[in-house]
Amino acid sequence: MDLERFQGLVDAYGGDEAAWPAGERDAARALLAAEPEARALQLAAQAMDRELALFQVAAPPSVDRILAARPQPGALERLLAWLVPAAPGQLWRPAVAAMLPLAFGVILGAGLPAPLDAEGWEQQERLLLAAPGPGETP
């Protein structure tokens, strides 16, 4: 084993000899005994291991907390989600929305008083027929 391979070993597995792969452990120990630079690399890796051991990772937030923090859809988004069906079984929603103006017109028309005499109809016909056309002036 050379110093370059030893550097890769301590970079990957740290300074603890027990963490090194068993097949390379004996060659690394022999290099440590022969090369002071290898020992310096191991000491630096052990110092890094101690620093990393001090690092505390915060627990991830719970799924409920993440879901509670997301923005809630507004009224327009909820209406569009209701109108645009996500499944074929919900196709009745846009049909109902399309029939609402028709139902409103029928209800409004049924509530208006109808002219009882023929003169009222004749007067309306005269007004409609006397109205100027698209190119005519009154």
Protein backbone atom coordinates (compact mmCIF):
# COMPACT_ATOMS: atom_id res chain seq x y z
CA MET A 1 0.00 0.00 0.00
CA ASP A 2 1.26 3.47 -0.83
CA LEU A 3 0.47 6.84 0.77
CA GLU A 4 -2.05 7.78 -1.91
CA ARG A 5 -4.11 4.63 -1.29
CA PHE A 6 -3.79 5.14 2.47
CA GLN A 7 -5.07 8.71 2.06
CA GLY A 8 -8.09 7.38 0.18
CA LEU A 9 -8.62 4.77 2.90
CA VAL A 10 -8.68 7.27 5.78
CA ASP A 11 -10.76 9.71 3.73
CA ALA A 12 -13.38 7.05 3.09
CA TYR A 13 -13.39 5.15 6.40
CA GLY A 14 -11.92 7.56 8.94
CA GLY A 15 -9.00 7.19 11.32
CA ASP A 16 -10.34 4.20 13.27
CA GLU A 17 -8.56 1.03 12.14
CA ALA A 18 -11.60 -1.12 13.00
CA ALA A 19 -13.62 0.70 10.34
CA TRP A 20 -11.14 -0.08 7.56
CA PRO A 21 -11.84 -3.01 5.23
CA ALA A 22 -10.38 -6.26 6.60
CA GLY A 23 -8.50 -6.96 3.36
CA GLU A 24 -6.55 -3.70 3.59
CA ARG A 25 -6.15 -3.41 7.35
CA ASP A 26 -2.85 -5.33 7.58
CA ALA A 27 -1.25 -3.40 4.69
CA ALA A 28 -2.37 -0.11 6.25
CA ARG A 29 -0.89 -1.06 9.64
CA ALA A 30 2.41 -1.96 7.96
CA LEU A 31 2.46 1.43 6.22
CA LEU A 32 1.68 3.17 9.53
CA ALA A 33 4.67 1.47 11.14
CA ALA A 34 7.00 2.42 8.27
CA GLU A 35 5.82 5.93 7.29
CA PRO A 36 5.47 8.85 9.73
CA GLU A 37 3.42 10.71 7.07
CA ALA A 38 0.83 7.91 7.18
CA ARG A 39 0.61 8.29 10.95
CA ALA A 40 0.04 12.05 10.48
CA LEU A 41 -2.77 11.29 8.01
CA GLN A 42 -4.36 8.91 10.51
CA LEU A 43 -4.13 11.50 13.32
CA ALA A 44 -5.76 14.13 11.09
CA ALA A 45 -8.54 11.68 10.22
CA GLN A 46 -9.06 10.83 13.91
CA ALA A 47 -9.33 14.55 14.72
CA MET A 48 -11.93 14.90 11.98
CA ASP A 49 -13.82 11.90 13.37
CA ARG A 50 -13.94 13.54 16.81
CA GLU A 51 -15.25 16.78 15.30
CA LEU A 52 -17.91 14.93 13.33
CA ALA A 53 -18.96 13.00 16.45
CA LEU A 54 -19.78 16.33 18.14
CA PHE A 55 -22.14 17.33 15.36
CA GLN A 56 -25.81 16.86 16.28
CA VAL A 57 -28.41 16.48 13.57
CA ALA A 58 -31.82 17.90 14.35
CA ALA A 59 -34.75 15.56 14.06
CA PRO A 60 -36.75 16.07 10.88
CA PRO A 61 -40.11 17.77 11.29
CA SER A 62 -43.14 15.55 11.47
CA VAL A 63 -45.33 15.02 8.44
CA ASP A 64 -48.28 16.59 10.27
CA ARG A 65 -46.27 19.75 10.89
CA ILE A 66 -45.19 19.95 7.25
CA LEU A 67 -48.76 19.48 6.04
CA ALA A 68 -50.05 22.08 8.49
CA ALA A 69 -47.49 24.62 7.26
CA ARG A 70 -48.41 24.34 3.59
CA PRO A 71 -50.55 27.14 2.18
CA GLN A 72 -54.26 26.43 2.13
CA PRO A 73 -56.06 26.90 -1.19
CA GLY A 74 -58.24 29.97 -1.57
CA ALA A 75 -61.88 30.05 -2.57
CA LEU A 76 -61.11 30.25 -6.29
CA GLU A 77 -58.77 27.25 -6.15
CA ARG A 78 -61.38 25.21 -4.25
CA LEU A 79 -64.08 26.17 -6.77
CA LEU A 80 -61.86 25.20 -9.71
CA ALA A 81 -60.95 21.93 -8.02
CA TRP A 82 -64.66 21.20 -7.60
CA LEU A 83 -65.52 22.17 -11.18
CA VAL A 84 -62.69 20.28 -12.87
CA PRO A 85 -63.30 16.64 -11.97
CA ALA A 86 -60.36 14.47 -10.95
CA ALA A 87 -62.23 11.24 -11.64
CA PRO A 88 -64.78 10.19 -14.28
CA GLY A 89 -67.38 9.65 -11.55
CA GLN A 90 -67.40 13.39 -10.85
CA LEU A 91 -68.44 14.56 -14.32
CA TRP A 92 -71.79 15.63 -12.91
CA ARG A 93 -70.15 18.66 -11.26
CA PRO A 94 -69.44 20.71 -14.42
CA ALA A 95 -72.84 19.66 -15.82
CA VAL A 96 -74.59 21.04 -12.73
CA ALA A 97 -72.54 24.23 -12.96
CA ALA A 98 -73.50 24.64 -16.64
CA MET A 99 -77.23 24.16 -15.87
CA LEU A 100 -77.33 26.76 -13.08
CA PRO A 101 -77.86 29.76 -15.42
CA LEU A 102 -80.69 27.89 -17.17
CA ALA A 103 -82.37 27.07 -13.86
CA PHE A 104 -81.94 30.67 -12.71
CA GLY A 105 -83.53 31.93 -15.94
CA VAL A 106 -86.49 29.57 -15.61
CA ILE A 107 -87.08 30.59 -12.01
CA LEU A 108 -86.75 34.27 -12.84
CA GLY A 109 -89.02 33.96 -15.86
CA ALA A 110 -91.64 32.03 -13.91
CA GLY A 111 -91.75 34.75 -11.30
CA LEU A 112 -92.46 37.61 -13.74
CA PRO A 113 -96.07 38.48 -14.39
CA ALA A 114 -97.25 37.50 -17.88
CA PRO A 115 -99.36 39.95 -19.91
CA LEU A 116 -102.95 38.83 -19.82
CA ASP A 117 -104.30 40.75 -22.76
CA ALA A 118 -103.51 40.53 -26.44
CA GLU A 119 -102.83 44.27 -26.60
CA GLY A 120 -99.73 43.86 -24.45
CA TRP A 121 -98.32 41.33 -26.92
CA GLU A 122 -99.16 43.53 -29.89
CA GLN A 123 -97.44 46.49 -28.29
CA GLN A 124 -94.29 44.41 -27.69
CA GLU A 125 -94.32 43.17 -31.29
CA ARG A 126 -94.63 46.74 -32.60
CA LEU A 127 -91.68 47.83 -30.47
CA LEU A 128 -89.55 44.92 -31.64
CA LEU A 129 -90.46 45.37 -35.30
CA ALA A 130 -89.95 49.12 -35.14
CA ALA A 131 -86.48 48.78 -33.67
CA PRO A 132 -83.76 49.92 -36.11
CA GLY A 133 -81.62 47.23 -37.75
CA PRO A 134 -77.84 46.96 -37.55
CA GLY A 135 -77.11 49.56 -40.24
CA GLU A 136 -80.16 51.82 -39.72
CA THR A 137 -80.39 54.97 -37.63
CA PRO A 138 -83.45 55.70 -35.48
